[in-house]
PDB file of N, CA and C in Angstrom:
ATOM      1  N   MET A   1     238.999 150.455 109.439  1.00  0.00           N
ATOM      2  CA  MET A   1     240.089 150.359 108.350  1.00  0.00           C
ATOM      3  C   MET A   1     241.316 151.000 108.436  1.00  0.00           C
ATOM      4  N   LYS A   2     241.698 151.924 109.436  1.00  0.00           N
ATOM      5  CA  LYS A   2     242.938 152.774 109.021  1.00  0.00           C
ATOM      6  C   LYS A   2     244.107 151.824 108.654  1.00  0.00           C
ATOM      7  N   GLU A   3     243.788 150.737 109.725  1.00  0.00           N
ATOM      8  CA  GLU A   3     245.267 149.530 109.763  1.00  0.00           C
ATOM      9  C   GLU A   3     245.319 149.248 108.131  1.00  0.00           C
ATOM     10  N   TYR A   4     244.623 149.356 107.252  1.00  0.00           N
ATOM     11  CA  TYR A   4     244.247 148.528 105.820  1.00  0.00           C
ATOM     12  C   TYR A   4     244.323 150.007 104.909  1.00  0.00           C
ATOM     13  N   SER A   5     245.525 150.483 104.881  1.00  0.00           N
ATOM     14  CA  SER A   5     245.638 151.745 103.845  1.00  0.00           C
ATOM     15  C   SER A   5     245.499 151.556 102.653  1.00  0.00           C
ATOM     16  N   ASP A   6     245.578 150.004 102.198  1.00  0.00           N
ATOM     17  CA  ASP A   6     245.622 150.059 100.489  1.00  0.00           C
ATOM     18  C   ASP A   6     244.259 149.515  99.956  1.00  0.00           C
ATOM     19  N   VAL A   7     243.341 149.354 100.996  1.00  0.00           N
ATOM     20  CA  VAL A   7     241.833 149.385 100.413  1.00  0.00           C
ATOM     21  C   VAL A   7     241.348 150.011  99.639  1.00  0.00           C
ATOM     22  N   PRO A   8     240.991 149.382  98.299  1.00  0.00           N
ATOM     23  CA  PRO A   8     240.280 150.800  97.390  1.00  0.00           C
ATOM     24  C   PRO A   8     238.666 150.875  97.701  1.00  0.00           C
ATOM     25  N   THR A   9     239.008 151.978  98.021  1.00  0.00           N
ATOM     26  CA  THR A   9     237.251 152.617  98.238  1.00  0.00           C
ATOM     27  C   THR A   9     236.667 153.894  97.174  1.00  0.00           C
ATOM     28  N   TYR A  10     235.689 153.471  97.141  1.00  0.00           N
ATOM     29  CA  TYR A  10     234.987 154.722  95.983  1.00  0.00           C
ATOM     30  C   TYR A  10     234.040 155.737  96.722  1.00  0.00           C
ATOM     31  N   SER A  11     233.953 156.709  96.749  1.00  0.00           N
ATOM     32  CA  SER A  11     232.979 157.729  97.409  1.00  0.00           C
ATOM     33  C   SER A  11     231.607 157.704  96.762  1.00  0.00           C
ATOM     34  N   VAL A  12     230.701 157.800  97.476  1.00  0.00           N
ATOM     35  CA  VAL A  12     229.180 157.415  97.257  1.00  0.00           C
ATOM     36  C   VAL A  12     228.882 159.183  96.990  1.00  0.00           C
ATOM     37  N   ASP A  13     228.143 159.398  95.638  1.00  0.00           N
ATOM     38  CA  ASP A  13     227.947 160.642  95.412  1.00  0.00           C
ATOM     39  C   ASP A  13     228.544 161.680  96.054  1.00  0.00           C
ATOM     40  N   GLY A  14     229.707 161.831  95.569  1.00  0.00           N
ATOM     41  CA  GLY A  14     230.860 163.036  96.260  1.00  0.00           C
ATOM     42  C   GLY A  14     230.908 163.156  97.404  1.00  0.00           C
ATOM     43  N   ASP A  15     230.126 162.121  98.280  1.00  0.00           N
ATOM     44  CA  ASP A  15     230.726 162.360  99.973  1.00  0.00           C
ATOM     45  C   ASP A  15     231.864 161.553 100.118  1.00  0.00           C
ATOM     46  N   GLU A  16     232.787 162.075 100.863  1.00  0.00           N
ATOM     47  CA  GLU A  16     234.399 161.916 101.118  1.00  0.00           C
ATOM     48  C   GLU A  16     233.622 160.830 102.359  1.00  0.00           C
ATOM     49  N   ASP A  17     232.622 160.888 103.294  1.00  0.00           N
ATOM     50  CA  ASP A  17     232.537 160.242 104.572  1.00  0.00           C
ATOM     51  C   ASP A  17     231.920 159.099 104.157  1.00  0.00           C
ATOM     52  N   LEU A  18     231.117 159.050 103.097  1.00  0.00           N
ATOM     53  CA  LEU A  18     230.764 157.698 102.694  1.00  0.00           C
ATOM     54  C   LEU A  18     231.439 157.049 101.515  1.00  0.00           C
ATOM     55  N   VAL A  19     231.921 155.720 101.505  1.00  0.00           N
ATOM     56  CA  VAL A  19     232.521 154.985 100.689  1.00  0.00           C
ATOM     57  C   VAL A  19     232.104 153.877 100.782  1.00  0.00           C
ATOM     58  N   LYS A  20     232.454 153.401  99.142  1.00  0.00           N
ATOM     59  CA  LYS A  20     232.056 151.529  98.928  1.00  0.00           C
ATOM     60  C   LYS A  20     233.796 151.390  99.004  1.00  0.00           C
ATOM     61  N   ILE A  21     233.505 149.773  99.474  1.00  0.00           N
ATOM     62  CA  ILE A  21     234.938 149.411  99.724  1.00  0.00           C
ATOM     63  C   ILE A  21     234.680 148.040  98.693  1.00  0.00           C
ATOM     64  N   ALA A  22     235.892 147.982  97.986  1.00  0.00           N
ATOM     65  CA  ALA A  22     236.147 146.987  96.424  1.00  0.00           C
ATOM     66  C   ALA A  22     236.056 145.602  97.571  1.00  0.00           C
ATOM     67  N   ALA A  23     234.726 144.606  97.041  1.00  0.00           N
ATOM     68  CA  ALA A  23     234.423 143.460  97.721  1.00  0.00           C
ATOM     69  C   ALA A  23     235.428 142.400  96.945  1.00  0.00           C
ATOM     70  N   GLY A  24     235.768 142.746  96.153  1.00  0.00           N
ATOM     71  CA  GLY A  24     237.135 141.575  95.455  1.00  0.00           C
ATOM     72  C   GLY A  24     238.392 141.964  96.669  1.00  0.00           C
ATOM     73  N   TRP A  25     238.644 142.749  96.997  1.00  0.00           N
ATOM     74  CA  TRP A  25     239.315 143.168  98.138  1.00  0.00           C
ATOM     75  C   TRP A  25     239.599 142.592  98.907  1.00  0.00           C
ATOM     76  N   LEU A  26     237.957 142.827  99.766  1.00  0.00           N
ATOM     77  CA  LEU A  26     237.933 142.277 100.957  1.00  0.00           C
ATOM     78  C   LEU A  26     237.852 140.632 100.960  1.00  0.00           C
ATOM     79  N   ILE A  27     237.498 139.826 100.009  1.00  0.00           N
ATOM     80  CA  ILE A  27     237.495 138.504  99.925  1.00  0.00           C
ATOM     81  C   ILE A  27     238.680 137.860  99.658  1.00  0.00           C
ATOM     82  N   GLU A  28     239.653 138.909  98.896  1.00  0.00           N
ATOM     83  CA  GLU A  28     241.203 137.986  98.472  1.00  0.00           C
ATOM     84  C   GLU A  28     241.847 138.286  99.973  1.00  0.00           C
ATOM     85  N   LYS A  29     241.641 139.698 101.303  1.00  0.00           N
ATOM     86  CA  LYS A  29     242.366 139.511 102.229  1.00  0.00           C
ATOM     87  C   LYS A  29     241.642 139.155 103.118  1.00  0.00           C
ATOM     88  N   SER A  30     240.473 137.985 103.415  1.00  0.00           N
ATOM     89  CA  SER A  30     239.745 137.678 103.765  1.00  0.00           C
ATOM     90  C   SER A  30     240.567 135.970 103.924  1.00  0.00           C
ATOM     91  N   GLY A  31     241.203 135.725 102.894  1.00  0.00           N
ATOM     92  CA  GLY A  31     241.653 134.433 102.596  1.00  0.00           C
ATOM     93  C   GLY A  31     240.992 133.694 101.534  1.00  0.00           C
ATOM     94  N   CYS A  32     239.969 134.083 101.275  1.00  0.00           N
ATOM     95  CA  CYS A  32     239.182 133.164 100.288  1.00  0.00           C
ATOM     96  C   CYS A  32     239.470 132.984  98.651  1.00  0.00           C
ATOM     97  N   LYS A  33     240.229 134.160  98.499  1.00  0.00           N
ATOM     98  CA  LYS A  33     240.731 133.965  96.983  1.00  0.00           C
ATOM     99  C   LYS A  33     241.087 132.530  96.564  1.00  0.00           C
ATOM    100  N   GLY A  34     240.988 131.828  95.515  1.00  0.00           N
ATOM    101  CA  GLY A  34     241.644 130.648  95.283  1.00  0.00           C
ATOM    102  C   GLY A  34     241.071 129.513  96.056  1.00  0.00           C
ATOM    103  N   LYS A  35     240.100 129.615  97.448  1.00  0.00           N
ATOM    104  CA  LYS A  35     239.796 128.555  98.291  1.00  0.00           C
ATOM    105  C   LYS A  35     238.582 127.282  97.517  1.00  0.00           C
ATOM    106  N   ASN A  36     238.990 126.590  97.815  1.00  0.00           N
ATOM    107  CA  ASN A  36     237.435 125.528  97.565  1.00  0.00           C
ATOM    108  C   ASN A  36     236.998 124.615  98.778  1.00  0.00           C
ATOM    109  N   ILE A  37     235.897 124.208  98.741  1.00  0.00           N
ATOM    110  CA  ILE A  37     234.980 123.798  99.440  1.00  0.00           C
ATOM    111  C   ILE A  37     234.541 122.925  98.764  1.00  0.00           C
ATOM    112  N   GLY A  38     234.763 121.582  98.847  1.00  0.00           N
ATOM    113  CA  GLY A  38     234.146 120.466  98.287  1.00  0.00           C
ATOM    114  C   GLY A  38     234.286 120.908  96.497  1.00  0.00           C
ATOM    115  N   ARG A  39     233.277 120.957  96.190  1.00  0.00           N
ATOM    116  CA  ARG A  39     233.104 120.933  94.327  1.00  0.00           C
ATOM    117  C   ARG A  39     232.922 122.399  93.792  1.00  0.00           C
ATOM    118  N   ALA A  40     232.917 123.487  94.988  1.00  0.00           N
ATOM    119  CA  ALA A  40     232.727 124.937  94.652  1.00  0.00           C
ATOM    120  C   ALA A  40     234.087 125.748  95.498  1.00  0.00           C
ATOM    121  N   GLY A  41     234.333 126.841  94.474  1.00  0.00           N
ATOM    122  CA  GLY A  41     235.527 127.220  94.848  1.00  0.00           C
ATOM    123  C   GLY A  41     235.162 128.961  94.733  1.00  0.00           C
ATOM    124  N   VAL A  42     236.376 129.721  95.050  1.00  0.00           N
ATOM    125  CA  VAL A  42     236.171 131.015  94.916  1.00  0.00           C
ATOM    126  C   VAL A  42     237.710 131.359  93.675  1.00  0.00           C
ATOM    127  N   TYR A  43     237.219 131.354  92.440  1.00  0.00           N
ATOM    128  CA  TYR A  43     238.139 131.885  90.974  1.00  0.00           C
ATOM    129  C   TYR A  43     239.558 132.134  91.770  1.00  0.00           C
ATOM    130  N   HIS A  44     240.469 131.620  91.469  1.00  0.00           N
ATOM    131  CA  HIS A  44     241.954 131.855  91.632  1.00  0.00           C
ATOM    132  C   HIS A  44     242.528 132.764  91.143  1.00  0.00           C
ATOM    133  N   LYS A  45     242.079 133.233  90.250  1.00  0.00           N
ATOM    134  CA  LYS A  45     242.272 135.000  88.941  1.00  0.00           C
ATOM    135  C   LYS A  45     241.348 135.915  89.609  1.00  0.00           C
ATOM    136  N   GLN A  46     240.246 135.676  90.366  1.00  0.00           N
ATOM    137  CA  GLN A  46     239.292 136.731  90.309  1.00  0.00           C
ATOM    138  C   GLN A  46     238.038 136.493  91.590  1.00  0.00           C
ATOM    139  N   ALA A  47     238.557 137.342  92.645  1.00  0.00           N
ATOM    140  CA  ALA A  47     237.735 136.807  93.743  1.00  0.00           C
ATOM    141  C   ALA A  47     236.637 137.039  93.920  1.00  0.00           C
ATOM    142  N   LEU A  48     236.104 137.519  92.932  1.00  0.00           N
ATOM    143  CA  LEU A  48     234.464 138.107  93.018  1.00  0.00           C
ATOM    144  C   LEU A  48     233.742 137.033  92.121  1.00  0.00           C
ATOM    145  N   VAL A  49     234.359 136.200  91.836  1.00  0.00           N
ATOM    146  CA  VAL A  49     233.710 134.569  90.799  1.00  0.00           C
ATOM    147  C   VAL A  49     233.832 133.473  91.543  1.00  0.00           C
ATOM    148  N   ILE A  50     232.382 133.029  92.072  1.00  0.00           N
ATOM    149  CA  ILE A  50     232.572 131.473  92.516  1.00  0.00           C
ATOM    150  C   ILE A  50     232.044 130.666  91.583  1.00  0.00           C
ATOM    151  N   VAL A  51     233.069 129.198  91.416  1.00  0.00           N
ATOM    152  CA  VAL A  51     233.266 128.534  90.493  1.00  0.00           C
ATOM    153  C   VAL A  51     232.973 127.231  90.805  1.00  0.00           C
ATOM    154  N   ASN A  52     232.081 126.510  90.005  1.00  0.00           N
ATOM    155  CA  ASN A  52     231.822 124.818  90.319  1.00  0.00           C
ATOM    156  C   ASN A  52     232.786 124.305  89.571  1.00  0.00           C
ATOM    157  N   LEU A  53     233.713 123.743  90.563  1.00  0.00           N
ATOM    158  CA  LEU A  53     234.571 122.467  90.156  1.00  0.00           C
ATOM    159  C   LEU A  53     234.311 121.556  89.187  1.00  0.00           C
ATOM    160  N   GLY A  54     233.289 121.124  89.279  1.00  0.00           N
ATOM    161  CA  GLY A  54     232.853 120.199  88.293  1.00  0.00           C
ATOM    162  C   GLY A  54     231.317 119.227  89.485  1.00  0.00           C
ATOM    163  N   GLU A  55     230.442 119.479  88.939  1.00  0.00           N
ATOM    164  CA  GLU A  55     229.178 118.845  89.456  1.00  0.00           C
ATOM    165  C   GLU A  55     228.720 119.358  90.827  1.00  0.00           C
ATOM    166  N   ALA A  56     229.458 120.558  91.139  1.00  0.00           N
ATOM    167  CA  ALA A  56     228.660 120.921  92.587  1.00  0.00           C
ATOM    168  C   ALA A  56     227.124 120.940  92.436  1.00  0.00           C
ATOM    169  N   SER A  57     226.839 121.041  93.331  1.00  0.00           N
ATOM    170  CA  SER A  57     225.138 121.238  93.500  1.00  0.00           C
ATOM    171  C   SER A  57     224.868 122.659  93.802  1.00  0.00           C
ATOM    172  N   CYS A  58     223.823 123.324  93.697  1.00  0.00           N
ATOM    173  CA  CYS A  58     223.203 124.582  94.229  1.00  0.00           C
ATOM    174  C   CYS A  58     223.422 124.779  95.212  1.00  0.00           C
ATOM    175  N   ASP A  59     223.522 123.893  96.461  1.00  0.00           N
ATOM    176  CA  ASP A  59     223.905 124.096  97.768  1.00  0.00           C
ATOM    177  C   ASP A  59     225.009 124.197  98.195  1.00  0.00           C
ATOM    178  N   GLU A  60     225.892 123.528  96.941  1.00  0.00           N
ATOM    179  CA  GLU A  60     227.416 123.564  97.498  1.00  0.00           C
ATOM    180  C   GLU A  60     228.166 125.074  96.823  1.00  0.00           C
ATOM    181  N   ILE A  61     227.350 125.627  95.916  1.00  0.00           N
ATOM    182  CA  ILE A  61     227.790 127.099  95.307  1.00  0.00           C
ATOM    183  C   ILE A  61     227.257 127.908  96.616  1.00  0.00           C
ATOM    184  N   VAL A  62     226.255 128.097  96.786  1.00  0.00           N
ATOM    185  CA  VAL A  62     225.271 129.080  97.976  1.00  0.00           C
ATOM    186  C   VAL A  62     226.533 128.724  99.127  1.00  0.00           C
ATOM    187  N   ASN A  63     226.947 127.398  99.570  1.00  0.00           N
ATOM    188  CA  ASN A  63     227.570 127.245 100.917  1.00  0.00           C
ATOM    189  C   ASN A  63     229.147 128.030 100.505  1.00  0.00           C
ATOM    190  N   MET A  64     229.571 127.851  99.691  1.00  0.00           N
ATOM    191  CA  MET A  64     230.425 128.446  99.407  1.00  0.00           C
ATOM    192  C   MET A  64     230.731 130.185  99.542  1.00  0.00           C
ATOM    193  N   ALA A  65     229.240 130.643  98.820  1.00  0.00           N
ATOM    194  CA  ALA A  65     229.371 132.194  98.931  1.00  0.00           C
ATOM    195  C   ALA A  65     228.857 132.445 100.353  1.00  0.00           C
ATOM    196  N   MET A  66     228.026 131.963 101.164  1.00  0.00           N
ATOM    197  CA  MET A  66     227.923 132.149 102.625  1.00  0.00           C
ATOM    198  C   MET A  66     229.079 132.165 103.560  1.00  0.00           C
ATOM    199  N   HIS A  67     230.060 131.432 103.096  1.00  0.00           N
ATOM    200  CA  HIS A  67     231.302 130.866 103.739  1.00  0.00           C
ATOM    201  C   HIS A  67     232.430 132.303 103.280  1.00  0.00           C
ATOM    202  N   VAL A  68     232.223 132.856 102.051  1.00  0.00           N
ATOM    203  CA  VAL A  68     232.882 133.766 101.711  1.00  0.00           C
ATOM    204  C   VAL A  68     232.818 135.102 102.832  1.00  0.00           C
ATOM    205  N   ILE A  69     231.219 135.245 102.702  1.00  0.00           N
ATOM    206  CA  ILE A  69     230.174 136.308 103.601  1.00  0.00           C
ATOM    207  C   ILE A  69     231.006 136.451 105.062  1.00  0.00           C
ATOM    208  N   ASP A  70     230.790 135.053 105.532  1.00  0.00           N
ATOM    209  CA  ASP A  70     231.113 134.725 107.215  1.00  0.00           C
ATOM    210  C   ASP A  70     232.944 135.022 107.269  1.00  0.00           C
ATOM    211  N   GLU A  71     233.548 134.791 106.088  1.00  0.00           N
ATOM    212  CA  GLU A  71     235.042 135.361 106.526  1.00  0.00           C
ATOM    213  C   GLU A  71     235.307 136.751 106.389  1.00  0.00           C
ATOM    214  N   VAL A  72     234.099 137.303 105.280  1.00  0.00           N
ATOM    215  CA  VAL A  72     234.573 139.027 105.281  1.00  0.00           C
ATOM    216  C   VAL A  72     234.203 139.420 106.651  1.00  0.00           C
ATOM    217  N   ILE A  73     232.738 138.997 107.092  1.00  0.00           N
ATOM    218  CA  ILE A  73     232.616 139.496 108.423  1.00  0.00           C
ATOM    219  C   ILE A  73     233.339 139.556 109.533  1.00  0.00           C
ATOM    220  N   ALA A  74     233.814 138.115 109.768  1.00  0.00           N
ATOM    221  CA  ALA A  74     234.745 137.800 110.550  1.00  0.00           C
ATOM    222  C   ALA A  74     236.209 138.693 110.990  1.00  0.00           C
ATOM    223  N   LYS A  75     236.468 139.448 109.952  1.00  0.00           N
ATOM    224  CA  LYS A  75     237.996 139.844 109.705  1.00  0.00           C
ATOM    225  C   LYS A  75     237.338 141.130 109.536  1.00  0.00           C
ATOM    226  N   PHE A  76     236.700 141.690 108.934  1.00  0.00           N
ATOM    227  CA  PHE A  76     236.657 143.174 108.591  1.00  0.00           C
ATOM    228  C   PHE A  76     235.000 143.766 109.435  1.00  0.00           C
ATOM    229  N   GLY A  77     234.289 142.906 109.956  1.00  0.00           N
ATOM    230  CA  GLY A  77     233.135 143.339 110.238  1.00  0.00           C
ATOM    231  C   GLY A  77     232.091 143.956 108.970  1.00  0.00           C
ATOM    232  N   ILE A  78     232.527 143.654 107.874  1.00  0.00           N
ATOM    233  CA  ILE A  78     231.760 144.080 106.726  1.00  0.00           C
ATOM    234  C   ILE A  78     230.755 142.806 106.220  1.00  0.00           C
ATOM    235  N   VAL A  79     229.343 143.384 106.038  1.00  0.00           N
ATOM    236  CA  VAL A  79     228.567 142.392 105.098  1.00  0.00           C
ATOM    237  C   VAL A  79     228.488 142.279 104.274  1.00  0.00           C
ATOM    238  N   LEU A  80     228.963 141.527 103.178  1.00  0.00           N
ATOM    239  CA  LEU A  80     229.018 141.883 101.585  1.00  0.00           C
ATOM    240  C   LEU A  80     227.513 141.375 101.406  1.00  0.00           C
ATOM    241  N   GLU A  81     227.140 142.057 100.355  1.00  0.00           N
ATOM    242  CA  GLU A  81     225.417 141.890  99.728  1.00  0.00           C
ATOM    243  C   GLU A  81     225.510 141.324  98.455  1.00  0.00           C
ATOM    244  N   PRO A  82     225.014 139.934  98.245  1.00  0.00           N
ATOM    245  CA  PRO A  82     224.986 139.231  96.965  1.00  0.00           C
ATOM    246  C   PRO A  82     224.070 140.462  95.925  1.00  0.00           C
ATOM    247  N   GLU A  83     224.798 140.151  94.774  1.00  0.00           N
ATOM    248  CA  GLU A  83     223.916 141.204  93.727  1.00  0.00           C
ATOM    249  C   GLU A  83     223.930 140.176  92.288  1.00  0.00           C
ATOM    250  N   VAL A  84     223.503 138.766  92.406  1.00  0.00           N
ATOM    251  CA  VAL A  84     223.342 137.842  91.741  1.00  0.00           C
ATOM    252  C   VAL A  84     222.134 137.608  91.980  1.00  0.00           C
ATOM    253  N   ARG A  85     221.387 137.030  90.995  1.00  0.00           N
ATOM    254  CA  ARG A  85     220.594 135.778  91.401  1.00  0.00           C
ATOM    255  C   ARG A  85     221.017 134.454  90.828  1.00  0.00           C
ATOM    256  N   ILE A  86     220.906 133.312  91.925  1.00  0.00           N
ATOM    257  CA  ILE A  86     221.190 131.985  91.397  1.00  0.00           C
ATOM    258  C   ILE A  86     220.196 130.680  91.394  1.00  0.00           C
ATOM    259  N   TYR A  87     220.745 130.231  90.293  1.00  0.00           N
ATOM    260  CA  TYR A  87     219.516 129.227  89.958  1.00  0.00           C
ATOM    261  C   TYR A  87     220.352 127.797  89.599  1.00  0.00           C
ATOM    262  N   GLY A  88     219.546 126.856  90.468  1.00  0.00           N
ATOM    263  CA  GLY A  88     219.881 125.222  90.187  1.00  0.00           C
ATOM    264  C   GLY A  88     219.081 124.750  89.977  1.00  0.00           C
ATOM    265  N   SER A  89     219.639 123.556  89.483  1.00  0.00           N
ATOM    266  CA  SER A  89     218.193 122.605  88.942  1.00  0.00           C
ATOM    267  C   SER A  89     216.938 122.106  89.730  1.00  0.00           C
ATOM    268  N   GLU A  90     216.816 123.031  90.976  1.00  0.00           N
ATOM    269  CA  GLU A  90     215.611 123.048  91.602  1.00  0.00           C
ATOM    270  C   GLU A  90     215.006 124.190  91.985  1.00  0.00           C
ATOM    271  N   GLY A  91     215.436 125.359  91.293  1.00  0.00           N
ATOM    272  CA  GLY A  91     214.921 126.783  91.295  1.00  0.00           C
ATOM    273  C   GLY A  91     215.811 127.634  91.877  1.00  0.00           C
ATOM    274  N   GLU A  92     215.398 128.672  92.207  1.00  0.00           N
ATOM    275  CA  GLU A  92     216.020 129.793  92.636  1.00  0.00           C
ATOM    276  C   GLU A  92     216.404 129.266  94.056  1.00  0.00           C
ATOM    277  N   SER A  93     218.027 129.599  94.376  1.00  0.00           N
ATOM    278  CA  SER A  93     218.530 129.700  95.816  1.00  0.00           C
ATOM    279  C   SER A  93     218.626 131.030  96.589  1.00  0.00           C
ATOM    280  N   SER A  94     218.630 130.824  97.776  1.00  0.00           N
ATOM    281  CA  SER A  94     218.896 132.679  98.014  1.00  0.00           C
ATOM    282  C   SER A  94     219.931 132.546  99.182  1.00  0.00           C
ATOM    283  N   LEU A  95     220.797 133.396  98.968  1.00  0.00           N
ATOM    284  CA  LEU A  95     222.107 133.547 100.465  1.00  0.00           C
ATOM    285  C   LEU A  95     221.370 134.217 101.474  1.00  0.00           C
ATOM    286  N   CYS A  96     220.354 134.587 101.628  1.00  0.00           N
ATOM    287  CA  CYS A  96     220.397 135.179 102.992  1.00  0.00           C
ATOM    288  C   CYS A  96     218.740 134.335 103.503  1.00  0.00           C
TER     289      CYS A  96
END
């Protein structure tokens, strides 16, 4: 990550060698902020928010989230871990 000197990082438990990287920054820099796939998208004002653009199915939302994860992996080699639980009309869905 040396080539990205502007990446926001946060130390973990005061250990300067162990850091968290801002997921929103990774998503934005991977080109996903404001991107739409079908009826789901990444909010253009906040990269951490996936939005339903109008009657998107649960699968469309999950596919958008997986696309974001895949793009961040491809660009940075970092795997984002979802922190939310997702529910649709057919019950809970998983991103993993």
